[in-house]
Amino acid sequence: MADTGRTLGEEFDVMLSGGSGKWRLGAFTFKEHNGLRIAAIHSTGALCDWNKAHPEKQVKAGDLLVEIDSQKPEGGMRGNGKELYEELLRVPRPCRLVIGAGPLHVG
């Protein structure tokens, strides 16, 4: 079942396992004031693995990573791109990411 479309900005959860840190994410990202924009997803890495296993909830270029929940007792982190980037480098796996749908989901 393919991703059937979402509204722009609609949030959905992604659970990552395996690997560690940003470099295993398998995506090129850039920092924005309200999250990390996913510019490209590589053919290897945690997001590629997620997309293959969950075609109905694919992460796509243009999506915005808005929250990282590393399942710490104090809860997750939701914030600007700089803070999320730094957390992504430290976060243990498994972890939950909250993704805001970008323009490739619409339609």
N, C-alpha and C. Protein backbone atom coordinates (compact mmCIF):
# COMPACT_ATOMS: atom_id res chain seq x y z
N MET A 1 0.84 -1.18 0.00
CA MET A 1 0.00 0.00 0.00
C MET A 1 0.89 1.24 0.00
N ALA A 2 0.72 2.10 -0.97
CA ALA A 2 1.53 3.31 -1.08
C ALA A 2 0.99 4.41 -0.19
N ASP A 3 1.84 5.39 0.06
CA ASP A 3 1.44 6.56 0.83
C ASP A 3 0.29 7.24 0.07
N THR A 4 -0.86 7.37 0.71
CA THR A 4 -2.06 7.86 0.03
C THR A 4 -2.21 9.37 0.07
N GLY A 5 -1.27 10.05 0.62
CA GLY A 5 -1.33 11.50 0.66
C GLY A 5 -1.69 12.03 2.03
N ARG A 6 -1.17 13.17 2.33
CA ARG A 6 -1.40 13.84 3.60
C ARG A 6 -1.59 15.32 3.30
N THR A 7 -2.07 16.03 4.28
CA THR A 7 -2.13 17.47 4.14
C THR A 7 -0.77 18.05 4.51
N LEU A 8 -0.45 19.18 3.93
CA LEU A 8 0.82 19.83 4.19
C LEU A 8 0.94 20.13 5.68
N GLY A 9 2.03 19.67 6.29
CA GLY A 9 2.28 19.88 7.71
C GLY A 9 1.68 18.83 8.63
N GLU A 10 0.84 17.94 8.09
CA GLU A 10 0.27 16.87 8.91
C GLU A 10 1.40 16.05 9.52
N GLU A 11 1.31 15.78 10.81
CA GLU A 11 2.39 15.07 11.50
C GLU A 11 2.12 13.57 11.58
N PHE A 12 3.20 12.80 11.46
CA PHE A 12 3.12 11.35 11.63
C PHE A 12 4.40 10.86 12.29
N ASP A 13 4.30 9.70 12.95
CA ASP A 13 5.42 9.14 13.70
C ASP A 13 6.22 8.16 12.87
N VAL A 14 7.51 8.15 13.11
CA VAL A 14 8.45 7.21 12.50
C VAL A 14 9.29 6.63 13.63
N MET A 15 9.37 5.32 13.72
CA MET A 15 10.20 4.66 14.73
C MET A 15 11.47 4.16 14.06
N LEU A 16 12.61 4.64 14.55
CA LEU A 16 13.90 4.21 14.00
C LEU A 16 14.55 3.21 14.92
N SER A 17 15.13 2.20 14.33
CA SER A 17 15.91 1.23 15.10
C SER A 17 17.20 0.98 14.34
N GLY A 18 18.16 0.39 15.00
CA GLY A 18 19.44 0.10 14.35
C GLY A 18 20.23 1.36 14.08
N GLY A 19 21.51 1.18 13.84
CA GLY A 19 22.38 2.31 13.56
C GLY A 19 22.45 3.26 14.75
N SER A 20 23.13 4.35 14.57
CA SER A 20 23.20 5.37 15.62
C SER A 20 23.57 6.69 15.00
N GLY A 21 23.04 7.74 15.56
CA GLY A 21 23.42 9.08 15.15
C GLY A 21 22.94 9.48 13.77
N LYS A 22 23.15 10.73 13.45
CA LYS A 22 22.67 11.32 12.20
C LYS A 22 23.21 10.61 10.97
N TRP A 23 24.45 10.19 11.03
CA TRP A 23 25.07 9.64 9.83
C TRP A 23 24.46 8.30 9.43
N ARG A 24 23.71 7.68 10.31
CA ARG A 24 22.99 6.46 9.97
C ARG A 24 21.55 6.75 9.58
N LEU A 25 21.15 8.02 9.67
CA LEU A 25 19.80 8.41 9.29
C LEU A 25 19.59 8.17 7.80
N GLY A 26 20.63 8.43 7.03
CA GLY A 26 20.53 8.21 5.58
C GLY A 26 19.79 9.33 4.88
N ALA A 27 20.01 10.55 5.33
CA ALA A 27 19.33 11.69 4.72
C ALA A 27 20.21 12.93 4.80
N PHE A 28 20.04 13.78 3.81
CA PHE A 28 20.65 15.10 3.85
C PHE A 28 19.61 16.04 4.45
N THR A 29 19.98 16.76 5.50
CA THR A 29 19.04 17.66 6.17
C THR A 29 19.64 19.06 6.27
N PHE A 30 18.78 20.04 6.44
CA PHE A 30 19.25 21.38 6.78
C PHE A 30 18.36 21.98 7.85
N LYS A 31 18.97 22.84 8.64
CA LYS A 31 18.31 23.39 9.82
C LYS A 31 17.37 24.53 9.44
N GLU A 32 16.18 24.50 10.04
CA GLU A 32 15.23 25.60 9.93
C GLU A 32 14.83 26.01 11.34
N HIS A 33 14.15 27.12 11.48
CA HIS A 33 13.81 27.61 12.82
C HIS A 33 12.87 26.67 13.57
N ASN A 34 12.08 25.86 12.86
CA ASN A 34 11.12 25.00 13.53
C ASN A 34 11.35 23.50 13.30
N GLY A 35 12.53 23.13 12.81
CA GLY A 35 12.82 21.71 12.62
C GLY A 35 13.99 21.49 11.67
N LEU A 36 14.15 20.23 11.29
CA LEU A 36 15.17 19.83 10.32
C LEU A 36 14.47 19.44 9.02
N ARG A 37 14.75 20.16 7.95
CA ARG A 37 14.15 19.86 6.66
C ARG A 37 14.91 18.69 6.04
N ILE A 38 14.20 17.71 5.56
CA ILE A 38 14.81 16.57 4.89
C ILE A 38 14.89 16.91 3.41
N ALA A 39 16.11 17.12 2.93
CA ALA A 39 16.31 17.53 1.55
C ALA A 39 16.41 16.34 0.61
N ALA A 40 16.97 15.24 1.08
CA ALA A 40 17.12 14.04 0.26
C ALA A 40 17.26 12.83 1.17
N ILE A 41 16.75 11.70 0.71
CA ILE A 41 16.88 10.44 1.43
C ILE A 41 17.77 9.54 0.60
N HIS A 42 18.81 9.03 1.23
CA HIS A 42 19.78 8.19 0.53
C HIS A 42 19.25 6.76 0.37
N SER A 43 19.91 5.98 -0.44
CA SER A 43 19.47 4.60 -0.72
C SER A 43 19.84 3.63 0.40
N THR A 44 20.57 4.09 1.40
CA THR A 44 20.86 3.29 2.59
C THR A 44 20.63 4.15 3.81
N GLY A 45 20.37 3.51 4.93
CA GLY A 45 20.18 4.24 6.18
C GLY A 45 18.81 3.96 6.78
N ALA A 46 18.61 4.51 7.96
CA ALA A 46 17.40 4.23 8.73
C ALA A 46 16.12 4.69 8.03
N LEU A 47 16.13 5.85 7.39
CA LEU A 47 14.92 6.31 6.72
C LEU A 47 14.59 5.47 5.49
N CYS A 48 15.59 5.06 4.75
CA CYS A 48 15.36 4.16 3.62
C CYS A 48 14.76 2.84 4.10
N ASP A 49 15.32 2.30 5.18
CA ASP A 49 14.78 1.06 5.75
C ASP A 49 13.33 1.25 6.18
N TRP A 50 13.05 2.37 6.85
CA TRP A 50 11.68 2.66 7.29
C TRP A 50 10.73 2.73 6.08
N ASN A 51 11.14 3.46 5.04
CA ASN A 51 10.28 3.61 3.87
C ASN A 51 9.96 2.28 3.20
N LYS A 52 10.94 1.39 3.14
CA LYS A 52 10.70 0.07 2.54
C LYS A 52 9.72 -0.74 3.37
N ALA A 53 9.84 -0.65 4.69
CA ALA A 53 8.99 -1.45 5.58
C ALA A 53 7.61 -0.83 5.79
N HIS A 54 7.47 0.48 5.54
CA HIS A 54 6.21 1.19 5.81
C HIS A 54 5.83 2.08 4.62
N PRO A 55 5.48 1.49 3.49
CA PRO A 55 5.18 2.31 2.31
C PRO A 55 3.99 3.25 2.51
N GLU A 56 3.13 2.97 3.48
CA GLU A 56 1.98 3.84 3.74
C GLU A 56 2.36 5.05 4.60
N LYS A 57 3.57 5.07 5.15
CA LYS A 57 4.02 6.17 6.02
C LYS A 57 5.43 6.61 5.62
N GLN A 58 5.69 6.72 4.34
CA GLN A 58 7.03 7.07 3.88
C GLN A 58 7.43 8.49 4.26
N VAL A 59 8.70 8.63 4.58
CA VAL A 59 9.31 9.94 4.76
C VAL A 59 9.82 10.35 3.38
N LYS A 60 9.56 11.60 2.99
CA LYS A 60 9.93 12.07 1.66
C LYS A 60 10.76 13.35 1.75
N ALA A 61 11.49 13.61 0.68
CA ALA A 61 12.22 14.87 0.58
C ALA A 61 11.22 16.01 0.74
N GLY A 62 11.60 17.01 1.51
CA GLY A 62 10.71 18.14 1.77
C GLY A 62 9.98 18.04 3.10
N ASP A 63 9.97 16.84 3.70
CA ASP A 63 9.34 16.68 5.02
C ASP A 63 10.17 17.41 6.07
N LEU A 64 9.54 17.70 7.20
CA LEU A 64 10.19 18.43 8.28
C LEU A 64 10.20 17.58 9.54
N LEU A 65 11.40 17.28 10.04
CA LEU A 65 11.53 16.56 11.31
C LEU A 65 11.29 17.60 12.41
N VAL A 66 10.22 17.41 13.19
CA VAL A 66 9.85 18.43 14.18
C VAL A 66 10.06 17.99 15.62
N GLU A 67 10.22 16.68 15.84
CA GLU A 67 10.39 16.21 17.22
C GLU A 67 11.18 14.92 17.24
N ILE A 68 12.03 14.79 18.26
CA ILE A 68 12.77 13.56 18.52
C ILE A 68 12.42 13.13 19.93
N ASP A 69 11.94 11.92 20.06
CA ASP A 69 11.63 11.36 21.38
C ASP A 69 12.54 10.16 21.57
N SER A 70 13.57 10.36 22.35
CA SER A 70 14.55 9.28 22.57
C SER A 70 14.11 8.35 23.68
N GLN A 71 12.86 8.46 24.08
CA GLN A 71 12.30 7.63 25.13
C GLN A 71 13.03 7.83 26.45
N LYS A 72 13.54 9.04 26.67
CA LYS A 72 14.17 9.40 27.93
C LYS A 72 13.06 9.71 28.93
N PRO A 73 13.32 9.57 30.22
CA PRO A 73 12.28 9.87 31.22
C PRO A 73 11.74 11.29 31.13
N GLU A 74 12.59 12.24 30.74
CA GLU A 74 12.13 13.63 30.67
C GLU A 74 11.36 13.94 29.40
N GLY A 75 11.21 12.96 28.51
CA GLY A 75 10.42 13.17 27.30
C GLY A 75 11.25 13.58 26.11
N GLY A 76 10.58 13.91 25.06
CA GLY A 76 11.24 14.20 23.80
C GLY A 76 11.67 15.64 23.66
N MET A 77 12.21 15.95 22.51
CA MET A 77 12.65 17.30 22.21
C MET A 77 11.91 17.77 20.97
N ARG A 78 11.35 18.95 21.08
CA ARG A 78 10.68 19.58 19.95
C ARG A 78 11.23 20.99 19.89
N GLY A 79 11.80 21.34 18.77
CA GLY A 79 12.40 22.65 18.75
C GLY A 79 12.96 23.02 17.40
N ASN A 80 13.89 23.94 17.44
CA ASN A 80 14.46 24.43 16.20
C ASN A 80 15.46 23.44 15.62
N GLY A 81 15.82 23.68 14.38
CA GLY A 81 16.70 22.76 13.67
C GLY A 81 18.04 22.54 14.34
N LYS A 82 18.62 23.59 14.90
CA LYS A 82 19.93 23.44 15.55
C LYS A 82 19.84 22.49 16.73
N GLU A 83 18.81 22.66 17.58
CA GLU A 83 18.64 21.78 18.74
C GLU A 83 18.35 20.34 18.31
N LEU A 84 17.49 20.18 17.31
CA LEU A 84 17.16 18.83 16.84
C LEU A 84 18.37 18.14 16.22
N TYR A 85 19.16 18.90 15.48
CA TYR A 85 20.37 18.35 14.87
C TYR A 85 21.30 17.81 15.94
N GLU A 86 21.53 18.61 16.98
CA GLU A 86 22.42 18.18 18.07
C GLU A 86 21.86 16.97 18.80
N GLU A 87 20.55 16.93 19.02
CA GLU A 87 19.93 15.78 19.68
C GLU A 87 20.03 14.53 18.79
N LEU A 88 19.88 14.71 17.50
CA LEU A 88 19.94 13.57 16.58
C LEU A 88 21.31 12.91 16.61
N LEU A 89 22.35 13.67 16.87
CA LEU A 89 23.70 13.11 16.97
C LEU A 89 23.88 12.26 18.22
N ARG A 90 23.10 12.55 19.27
CA ARG A 90 23.25 11.86 20.56
C ARG A 90 22.22 10.78 20.82
N VAL A 91 21.08 10.88 20.19
CA VAL A 91 19.93 10.05 20.56
C VAL A 91 20.21 8.56 20.38
N PRO A 92 19.89 7.76 21.40
CA PRO A 92 20.02 6.31 21.24
C PRO A 92 18.85 5.75 20.43
N ARG A 93 19.03 4.59 19.89
CA ARG A 93 17.95 3.92 19.17
C ARG A 93 17.47 2.76 20.01
N PRO A 94 16.23 2.38 19.95
CA PRO A 94 15.21 2.95 19.06
C PRO A 94 14.77 4.33 19.54
N CYS A 95 14.24 5.09 18.61
CA CYS A 95 13.70 6.40 18.94
C CYS A 95 12.54 6.71 18.00
N ARG A 96 11.71 7.62 18.46
CA ARG A 96 10.55 8.05 17.67
C ARG A 96 10.83 9.44 17.11
N LEU A 97 10.58 9.60 15.83
CA LEU A 97 10.66 10.91 15.19
C LEU A 97 9.25 11.34 14.83
N VAL A 98 8.96 12.61 14.98
CA VAL A 98 7.70 13.16 14.49
C VAL A 98 8.03 13.98 13.25
N ILE A 99 7.37 13.63 12.16
CA ILE A 99 7.64 14.22 10.86
C ILE A 99 6.42 15.03 10.42
N GLY A 100 6.65 16.24 9.93
CA GLY A 100 5.60 17.04 9.32
C GLY A 100 5.65 16.83 7.81
N ALA A 101 4.52 16.46 7.23
CA ALA A 101 4.47 16.15 5.80
C ALA A 101 4.81 17.37 4.96
N GLY A 102 5.67 17.16 3.98
CA GLY A 102 6.05 18.20 3.04
C GLY A 102 5.20 18.16 1.78
N PRO A 103 5.55 18.96 0.79
CA PRO A 103 4.72 19.08 -0.42
C PRO A 103 4.62 17.81 -1.26
N LEU A 104 5.55 16.87 -1.15
CA LEU A 104 5.46 15.65 -1.96
C LEU A 104 4.37 14.70 -1.48
N HIS A 105 3.80 14.94 -0.30
CA HIS A 105 2.70 14.11 0.20
C HIS A 105 1.34 14.60 -0.31
N VAL A 106 1.27 15.84 -0.72
CA VAL A 106 0.00 16.45 -1.09
C VAL A 106 -0.38 16.03 -2.50
N GLY A 107 -1.64 15.69 -2.67
CA GLY A 107 -2.10 15.39 -4.01
C GLY A 107 -2.63 14.06 -4.23
